[in-house]
Amino acid sequence: MNLLNSPKHIRALGRQLKEERESQGHNLAILAGQCNLSVVQLTAIERGDTLSFARSQSNLLIAIQAYARVLGISLSDMKDLNNSLEDNIFIPEFLRKK
């Protein structure tokens, strides 16, 4: 499974990680220390913002894996990631094919 195949995929993954963190009631600052990342980097992952990891996409993947591991979840077990990509896309009527 290639986690970095598109910005949409990264945003969907970040949303799911944020939902999992919130459902477990974790504090971002404490998790950041456990992941050996900054709070800025964790919030960037949750937003799907890759600029904090601009030097290397592999660093983004490592950070995402560390975050998921600390939350106690496996990226391969994340629910319907591909379906969530389609559900969260809004296409205005004038841009839709007729």
Protein backbone atom coordinates (compact mmCIF):
# COMPACT_ATOMS: atom_id res chain seq x y z
CA MET A 1 0.00 0.00 0.00
CA ASN A 2 1.57 3.28 -1.08
CA LEU A 3 0.56 5.86 1.50
CA LEU A 4 1.94 8.80 -0.41
CA ASN A 5 0.28 8.30 -3.77
CA SER A 6 -1.68 11.56 -3.66
CA PRO A 7 -2.35 14.61 -1.49
CA LYS A 8 -5.96 13.43 -1.09
CA HIS A 9 -4.73 10.14 0.29
CA ILE A 10 -2.46 11.91 2.79
CA ARG A 11 -5.33 14.21 3.92
CA ALA A 12 -7.67 11.24 4.41
CA LEU A 13 -5.01 9.39 6.37
CA GLY A 14 -4.41 12.48 8.52
CA ARG A 15 -8.14 12.84 9.23
CA GLN A 16 -8.34 9.24 10.36
CA LEU A 17 -5.30 9.61 12.61
CA LYS A 18 -6.83 12.73 14.17
CA GLU A 19 -10.16 10.97 14.72
CA GLU A 20 -8.36 8.06 16.37
CA ARG A 21 -6.33 10.39 18.60
CA GLU A 22 -9.45 12.27 19.68
CA SER A 23 -11.41 9.07 20.30
CA GLN A 24 -8.61 7.84 22.57
CA GLY A 25 -8.47 11.22 24.36
CA HIS A 26 -4.77 11.84 23.77
CA ASN A 27 -3.01 15.19 24.20
CA LEU A 28 -1.05 16.37 21.15
CA ALA A 29 1.95 17.57 23.17
CA ILE A 30 2.35 14.24 24.97
CA LEU A 31 1.94 12.26 21.74
CA ALA A 32 4.49 14.47 19.99
CA GLY A 33 7.06 13.56 22.61
CA GLN A 34 6.26 9.87 22.28
CA CYS A 35 6.57 10.05 18.48
CA ASN A 36 9.75 12.12 18.65
CA LEU A 37 8.04 14.76 16.49
CA SER A 38 6.93 18.31 17.13
CA VAL A 39 3.33 19.34 17.77
CA VAL A 40 3.56 21.32 14.52
CA GLN A 41 4.49 18.15 12.62
CA LEU A 42 1.64 16.14 14.18
CA THR A 43 -0.92 18.81 13.35
CA ALA A 44 0.53 18.99 9.82
CA ILE A 45 0.01 15.23 9.47
CA GLU A 46 -3.57 15.55 10.72
CA ARG A 47 -4.25 18.34 8.19
CA GLY A 48 -2.53 16.51 5.35
CA ASP A 49 -0.06 19.37 5.03
CA THR A 50 3.23 18.01 3.72
CA LEU A 51 5.22 21.27 3.87
CA SER A 52 6.67 20.38 7.28
CA PHE A 53 8.20 17.36 5.58
CA ALA A 54 9.17 19.06 2.30
CA ARG A 55 12.76 17.87 2.25
CA SER A 56 11.89 14.19 1.98
CA GLN A 57 8.66 12.28 1.43
CA SER A 58 10.21 9.30 3.21
CA ASN A 59 10.38 11.41 6.38
CA LEU A 60 6.64 11.98 6.06
CA LEU A 61 6.02 8.26 5.79
CA ILE A 62 8.23 7.57 8.82
CA ALA A 63 6.41 10.26 10.83
CA ILE A 64 2.97 8.89 9.86
CA GLN A 65 4.03 5.37 10.81
CA ALA A 66 5.43 6.57 14.16
CA TYR A 67 2.21 8.45 14.90
CA ALA A 68 0.04 5.45 14.07
CA ARG A 69 2.26 3.13 16.12
CA VAL A 70 2.00 5.37 19.21
CA LEU A 71 -1.79 5.40 18.78
CA GLY A 72 -1.67 1.61 18.67
CA ILE A 73 -3.08 1.23 15.18
CA SER A 74 -1.78 -0.32 12.00
CA LEU A 75 -1.95 1.71 8.82
CA SER A 76 -2.98 -1.41 6.91
CA ASP A 77 -5.98 -1.82 9.24
CA MET A 78 -7.31 1.70 8.79
CA LYS A 79 -10.94 1.61 7.73
CA ASP A 80 -12.01 2.31 4.17
CA LEU A 81 -9.29 4.82 3.41
CA ASN A 82 -9.98 4.74 -0.31
CA ASN A 83 -13.73 5.15 0.21
CA SER A 84 -13.20 8.18 2.43
CA LEU A 85 -11.30 9.86 -0.39
CA GLU A 86 -14.37 9.86 -2.59
CA ASP A 87 -16.81 10.78 0.19
CA ASN A 88 -15.03 14.01 1.11
CA ILE A 89 -14.71 15.49 -2.36
CA PHE A 90 -17.16 18.19 -3.36
CA ILE A 91 -17.43 18.93 -7.05
CA PRO A 92 -19.54 21.96 -7.95
CA GLU A 93 -22.35 21.29 -10.40
CA PHE A 94 -20.81 23.43 -13.14
CA LEU A 95 -17.63 21.29 -13.10
CA ARG A 96 -19.40 17.94 -13.29
CA LYS A 97 -19.55 16.00 -16.53
CA LYS A 98 -22.93 15.96 -18.19
